[in-house]
Amino acid sequence: MAGSVRKARAIVLGLIGFIILPIVFALAGLVMAIIAKTVRHERLSTIAIVVSAIGLVGGMVLGAVLSSM
């Protein structure tokens, strides 16, 4: 049960990190997803890792583009 919650939170944090403060939210999602993958061996934690990584990189790129306008 705790692993399911952990990977769901990681996915949500990765998505939030794409829009708001990617260095905080997406990084927290990435850490939670890695914990779910290594400790609990959850099946969907790989998806959470990918979503959080995309949220981290995408959010930073989006912030850089919007701040240069």
C-alpha atoms as a PDB file:
ATOM      1  CA  MET A   1       0.000   0.000   0.000  1.00  0.00           C
ATOM      2  CA  ALA A   2       2.718   2.480   0.911  1.00  0.00           C
ATOM      3  CA  GLY A   3       4.547   1.805  -2.369  1.00  0.00           C
ATOM      4  CA  SER A   4       1.411   2.501  -4.360  1.00  0.00           C
ATOM      5  CA  VAL A   5       0.993   5.824  -2.629  1.00  0.00           C
ATOM      6  CA  ARG A   6       4.670   6.623  -3.066  1.00  0.00           C
ATOM      7  CA  LYS A   7       4.660   6.068  -6.832  1.00  0.00           C
ATOM      8  CA  ALA A   8       1.372   7.956  -7.243  1.00  0.00           C
ATOM      9  CA  ARG A   9       2.783  10.899  -5.321  1.00  0.00           C
ATOM     10  CA  ALA A  10       5.936  10.760  -7.413  1.00  0.00           C
ATOM     11  CA  ILE A  11       3.925  10.969 -10.637  1.00  0.00           C
ATOM     12  CA  VAL A  12       1.839  13.873  -9.313  1.00  0.00           C
ATOM     13  CA  LEU A  13       4.916  15.745  -8.078  1.00  0.00           C
ATOM     14  CA  GLY A  14       6.588  15.260 -11.444  1.00  0.00           C
ATOM     15  CA  LEU A  15       3.598  16.728 -13.232  1.00  0.00           C
ATOM     16  CA  ILE A  16       3.358  19.657 -10.797  1.00  0.00           C
ATOM     17  CA  GLY A  17       7.094  20.215 -11.194  1.00  0.00           C
ATOM     18  CA  PHE A  18       6.636  20.773 -14.907  1.00  0.00           C
ATOM     19  CA  ILE A  19       4.657  23.931 -14.155  1.00  0.00           C
ATOM     20  CA  ILE A  20       5.656  25.165 -10.684  1.00  0.00           C
ATOM     21  CA  LEU A  21       9.151  25.066  -9.121  1.00  0.00           C
ATOM     22  CA  PRO A  22      10.600  22.086 -10.976  1.00  0.00           C
ATOM     23  CA  ILE A  23      13.734  21.963  -8.835  1.00  0.00           C
ATOM     24  CA  VAL A  24      11.567  21.318  -5.762  1.00  0.00           C
ATOM     25  CA  PHE A  25       8.546  19.308  -6.876  1.00  0.00           C
ATOM     26  CA  ALA A  26       9.987  17.270  -9.731  1.00  0.00           C
ATOM     27  CA  LEU A  27      13.145  16.517  -7.773  1.00  0.00           C
ATOM     28  CA  ALA A  28      11.045  15.328  -4.822  1.00  0.00           C
ATOM     29  CA  GLY A  29       9.031  13.182  -7.217  1.00  0.00           C
ATOM     30  CA  LEU A  30      12.206  11.751  -8.678  1.00  0.00           C
ATOM     31  CA  VAL A  31      13.543  10.838  -5.240  1.00  0.00           C
ATOM     32  CA  MET A  32      10.254   9.206  -4.255  1.00  0.00           C
ATOM     33  CA  ALA A  33      10.128   7.262  -7.521  1.00  0.00           C
ATOM     34  CA  ILE A  34      13.678   5.993  -7.079  1.00  0.00           C
ATOM     35  CA  ILE A  35      12.856   4.891  -3.541  1.00  0.00           C
ATOM     36  CA  ALA A  36       9.757   3.092  -4.801  1.00  0.00           C
ATOM     37  CA  LYS A  37      11.861   1.385  -7.475  1.00  0.00           C
ATOM     38  CA  THR A  38      14.786   0.296  -5.319  1.00  0.00           C
ATOM     39  CA  VAL A  39      13.137  -0.471  -1.985  1.00  0.00           C
ATOM     40  CA  ARG A  40       9.669  -1.693  -2.936  1.00  0.00           C
ATOM     41  CA  HIS A  41      10.337  -2.895  -6.516  1.00  0.00           C
ATOM     42  CA  GLU A  42       7.065  -1.352  -7.673  1.00  0.00           C
ATOM     43  CA  ARG A  43       6.083  -1.946 -11.275  1.00  0.00           C
ATOM     44  CA  LEU A  44       4.948   1.568 -12.205  1.00  0.00           C
ATOM     45  CA  SER A  45       7.827   3.312 -10.481  1.00  0.00           C
ATOM     46  CA  THR A  46       9.724   3.416 -13.791  1.00  0.00           C
ATOM     47  CA  ILE A  47       6.918   5.531 -15.220  1.00  0.00           C
ATOM     48  CA  ALA A  48       7.144   7.794 -12.165  1.00  0.00           C
ATOM     49  CA  ILE A  49      10.901   8.192 -12.720  1.00  0.00           C
ATOM     50  CA  VAL A  50      10.366   9.147 -16.371  1.00  0.00           C
ATOM     51  CA  VAL A  51       7.526  11.581 -15.584  1.00  0.00           C
ATOM     52  CA  SER A  52       9.539  13.247 -12.817  1.00  0.00           C
ATOM     53  CA  ALA A  53      12.655  13.532 -14.985  1.00  0.00           C
ATOM     54  CA  ILE A  54      10.645  15.049 -17.821  1.00  0.00           C
ATOM     55  CA  GLY A  55       8.981  17.401 -15.342  1.00  0.00           C
ATOM     56  CA  LEU A  56      12.363  18.464 -13.991  1.00  0.00           C
ATOM     57  CA  VAL A  57      14.019  19.097 -17.346  1.00  0.00           C
ATOM     58  CA  GLY A  58      10.876  20.387 -19.066  1.00  0.00           C
ATOM     59  CA  GLY A  59      10.046  22.732 -16.221  1.00  0.00           C
ATOM     60  CA  MET A  60      13.535  24.207 -16.253  1.00  0.00           C
ATOM     61  CA  VAL A  61      13.470  24.682 -20.020  1.00  0.00           C
ATOM     62  CA  LEU A  62       9.988  26.195 -19.856  1.00  0.00           C
ATOM     63  CA  GLY A  63      11.105  28.564 -17.095  1.00  0.00           C
ATOM     64  CA  ALA A  64      14.175  29.615 -19.067  1.00  0.00           C
ATOM     65  CA  VAL A  65      12.134  30.253 -22.195  1.00  0.00           C
ATOM     66  CA  LEU A  66       9.476  32.232 -20.368  1.00  0.00           C
ATOM     67  CA  SER A  67      11.999  34.287 -18.398  1.00  0.00           C
ATOM     68  CA  SER A  68      13.872  35.288 -21.570  1.00  0.00           C
ATOM     69  CA  MET A  69      10.761  36.776 -23.161  1.00  0.00           C
END
